[in-house]
Protein backbone atom coordinates (compact mmCIF):
# COMPACT_ATOMS: atom_id res chain seq x y z
CA MET A 1 -12.30 -10.71 -4.75
CA THR A 2 -9.16 -10.99 -2.66
CA LEU A 3 -5.71 -9.76 -3.60
CA GLY A 4 -4.59 -13.32 -4.28
CA GLU A 5 -7.58 -13.95 -6.55
CA PHE A 6 -6.90 -10.67 -8.38
CA ILE A 7 -3.26 -11.62 -9.02
CA THR A 8 -4.33 -15.08 -10.18
CA TRP A 9 -6.92 -13.49 -12.49
CA ILE A 10 -4.33 -11.14 -13.98
CA GLY A 11 -1.92 -14.05 -14.46
CA SER A 12 -4.60 -16.12 -16.20
CA GLU A 13 -4.81 -13.58 -19.06
CA PRO A 14 -1.13 -12.70 -19.53
CA GLN A 15 -1.45 -10.95 -22.89
CA TYR A 16 -2.77 -7.76 -21.26
CA ILE A 17 -0.09 -7.52 -18.61
CA VAL A 18 2.69 -8.49 -21.02
CA GLY A 19 1.45 -5.91 -23.53
CA TYR A 20 1.33 -3.18 -20.89
CA PHE A 21 4.79 -3.88 -19.51
CA ILE A 22 6.33 -4.10 -22.97
CA LEU A 23 4.58 -0.96 -24.17
CA ILE A 24 5.98 1.26 -21.40
CA PRO A 25 9.71 0.64 -22.16
CA VAL A 26 8.97 0.88 -25.89
CA LEU A 27 7.38 4.29 -25.31
CA ALA A 28 10.38 5.33 -23.18
CA ALA A 29 12.74 4.27 -26.00
CA LEU A 30 10.59 6.13 -28.51
CA MET A 31 10.71 9.23 -26.31
CA TRP A 32 14.48 8.87 -26.14
CA PHE A 33 14.63 9.14 -29.93
CA ILE A 34 11.99 11.88 -30.25
CA ALA A 35 13.13 14.14 -27.40
CA LYS A 36 16.87 13.49 -27.56
CA ASP A 37 18.60 16.01 -25.25
CA GLN A 38 15.29 17.85 -24.74
CA GLY A 39 13.81 15.70 -21.98
CA HIS A 40 14.08 18.52 -19.48
CA LEU A 41 11.81 20.80 -21.52
CA SER A 42 8.16 21.32 -20.73
CA PRO A 43 6.13 18.95 -22.88
CA TRP A 44 8.59 16.05 -22.67
CA LYS A 45 9.20 16.06 -18.94
CA TYR A 46 5.48 15.57 -18.31
CA VAL A 47 5.40 12.63 -20.71
CA TYR A 48 8.34 11.16 -18.81
CA SER A 49 6.47 11.78 -15.57
CA VAL A 50 3.49 9.78 -16.82
CA LEU A 51 5.79 6.95 -17.94
CA VAL A 52 7.57 6.92 -14.58
CA TYR A 53 4.32 6.73 -12.64
CA ALA A 54 2.85 4.15 -15.04
CA VAL A 55 5.76 1.79 -14.50
CA CYS A 56 6.93 2.60 -10.95
CA ILE A 57 3.64 2.14 -9.12
CA PRO A 58 3.19 -1.48 -10.29
CA GLY A 59 6.93 -2.13 -10.03
CA VAL A 60 7.27 -0.86 -6.47
CA THR A 61 4.10 -2.72 -5.51
CA ALA A 62 5.54 -5.93 -6.97
CA ILE A 63 8.82 -5.44 -5.10
CA ALA A 64 7.00 -4.85 -1.81
CA PHE A 65 4.70 -7.79 -2.47
CA ASN A 66 7.63 -10.09 -3.30
CA LEU A 67 9.56 -9.00 -0.23
CA TYR A 68 6.50 -9.68 1.89
CA LEU A 69 6.00 -13.12 0.35
CA PHE A 70 9.64 -14.13 0.73
CA ALA A 71 10.33 -12.56 4.15
CA PHE A 72 7.08 -13.16 6.00
CA GLN A 73 5.16 -15.88 4.17
CA ARG A 74 8.31 -17.90 3.41
CA GLN A 75 7.19 -18.49 -0.17
CA ASP A 76 9.49 -20.61 -2.29
CA ILE A 77 11.26 -18.57 -4.94
CA PHE A 78 10.36 -21.16 -7.57
CA ALA A 79 6.66 -20.42 -6.93
CA THR A 80 7.09 -16.85 -8.21
CA GLU A 81 4.70 -15.95 -11.02
CA ILE A 82 6.67 -14.46 -13.89
CA PHE A 83 3.96 -12.25 -15.37
CA THR A 84 2.63 -10.71 -12.17
CA GLN A 85 5.68 -10.64 -9.92
CA LEU A 86 8.76 -10.27 -12.12
CA LEU A 87 7.70 -8.63 -15.37
CA SER A 88 6.68 -5.36 -13.73
CA ILE A 89 10.02 -5.09 -11.92
CA LEU A 90 11.97 -5.81 -15.10
CA SER A 91 9.87 -3.30 -17.03
CA MET A 92 10.43 -0.67 -14.33
CA VAL A 93 14.21 -1.13 -14.40
CA ILE A 94 14.42 -0.98 -18.20
CA THR A 95 12.13 2.05 -18.41
CA LEU A 96 14.01 3.98 -15.74
CA LEU A 97 17.33 3.23 -17.44
CA LEU A 98 16.00 4.47 -20.78
CA ILE A 99 14.55 7.63 -19.22
CA ARG A 100 17.75 8.31 -17.31
CA LYS A 101 19.70 8.41 -20.57
CA ASN A 102 17.76 11.46 -21.75
CA VAL A 103 16.79 13.40 -18.63
CA ASP A 104 17.88 13.79 -15.04
CA PHE A 105 15.36 12.34 -12.62
CA GLU A 106 15.34 15.54 -10.55
CA LEU A 107 13.87 17.40 -13.53
CA ILE A 108 10.91 15.03 -13.87
CA PRO A 109 7.85 16.36 -12.02
CA GLY A 110 6.79 14.09 -9.18
CA PHE A 111 9.85 11.84 -9.22
CA SER A 112 10.74 12.86 -5.68
CA LYS A 113 7.32 11.66 -4.54
CA ILE A 114 7.94 8.22 -6.07
CA SER A 115 11.36 8.02 -4.43
CA ASN A 116 9.82 9.04 -1.08
CA LEU A 117 7.18 6.33 -1.52
CA ILE A 118 9.89 3.76 -2.21
CA THR A 119 11.80 4.89 0.88
CA ILE A 120 8.76 4.69 3.13
CA ILE A 121 7.74 1.25 1.84
CA ALA A 122 11.29 -0.05 2.22
CA SER A 123 11.63 1.35 5.73
CA VAL A 124 8.28 -0.06 6.87
CA LEU A 125 9.14 -3.49 5.45
CA LEU A 126 12.55 -3.35 7.11
CA ILE A 127 11.03 -2.41 10.47
CA LEU A 128 8.44 -5.17 10.18
CA TRP A 129 11.07 -7.71 9.14
CA LEU A 130 13.31 -6.75 12.05
CA GLY A 131 10.36 -6.99 14.41
CA ASP A 132 9.58 -10.44 13.05
CA LYS A 133 13.17 -11.69 13.31
CA VAL A 134 14.07 -10.23 16.70
CA ARG A 135 11.00 -11.60 18.46
CA ILE A 136 11.19 -9.34 21.48
CA PHE A 137 8.03 -9.63 23.51
CA SER A 138 7.29 -6.88 25.94
CA PHE A 139 4.46 -6.66 28.40
CA THR A 140 4.03 -3.02 29.16
CA TYR A 141 1.49 -0.42 30.02
CA VAL A 142 2.62 2.02 27.35
CA PRO A 143 -0.38 3.35 25.44
CA LEU A 144 -0.84 2.53 21.76
CA TRP A 145 -0.37 6.11 20.65
CA MET A 146 3.19 6.05 22.04
CA PHE A 147 4.03 3.05 19.83
CA ILE A 148 2.56 4.87 16.84
CA VAL A 149 4.63 7.98 17.64
CA MET A 150 7.78 5.85 17.93
CA PHE A 151 6.98 4.09 14.64
CA VAL A 152 6.44 7.38 12.79
CA GLY A 153 9.58 8.82 14.38
CA LEU A 154 11.57 5.81 13.22
CA ILE A 155 10.27 6.25 9.68
CA ILE A 156 11.20 9.96 9.75
CA LEU A 157 14.65 9.05 11.04
CA ILE A 158 15.12 6.48 8.25
CA ARG A 159 14.00 9.01 5.62
CA TYR A 160 16.39 11.61 7.02
CA ALA A 161 19.27 9.13 7.02
CA TRP A 162 18.36 8.01 3.47
CA ALA A 163 18.34 11.63 2.28
CA LYS A 164 21.77 12.23 3.82
CA LEU A 165 23.18 9.09 2.23
CA PHE A 166 21.93 9.83 -1.24
């Protein structure tokens, strides 16, 4: 099964994906009422952590996938599948807004790891997009490991700059 076949298979049975991505914001809203002003305390912050991971991993994957499709594959925006490509992003935004009302993201365990993942994915996609648009061809005798070191250094530089900005 390829990734395209998997996404088509998920989209063919939308009740499961719609149920999942509606359940997560509903649980976040329920937690907002249950743990009002106590989201930073021990049992609730771990529940928030589970909700953040449950919604951010598919949401970030959908954002990266959509950026790849639009930037590199030149997919038409009208060919976007609502259930597999947009619903997870919408659910992620709503869930994070609801969680943010009750607790600071810095107090949620593991939130910094998700934000680092988002930064790395965004920086890699930006580097790949720039490489695709610039179209600089170089014939050189530089070994492959030097390109890998430069790529990792560029990612570290982008993460450092991102941390200083925000």
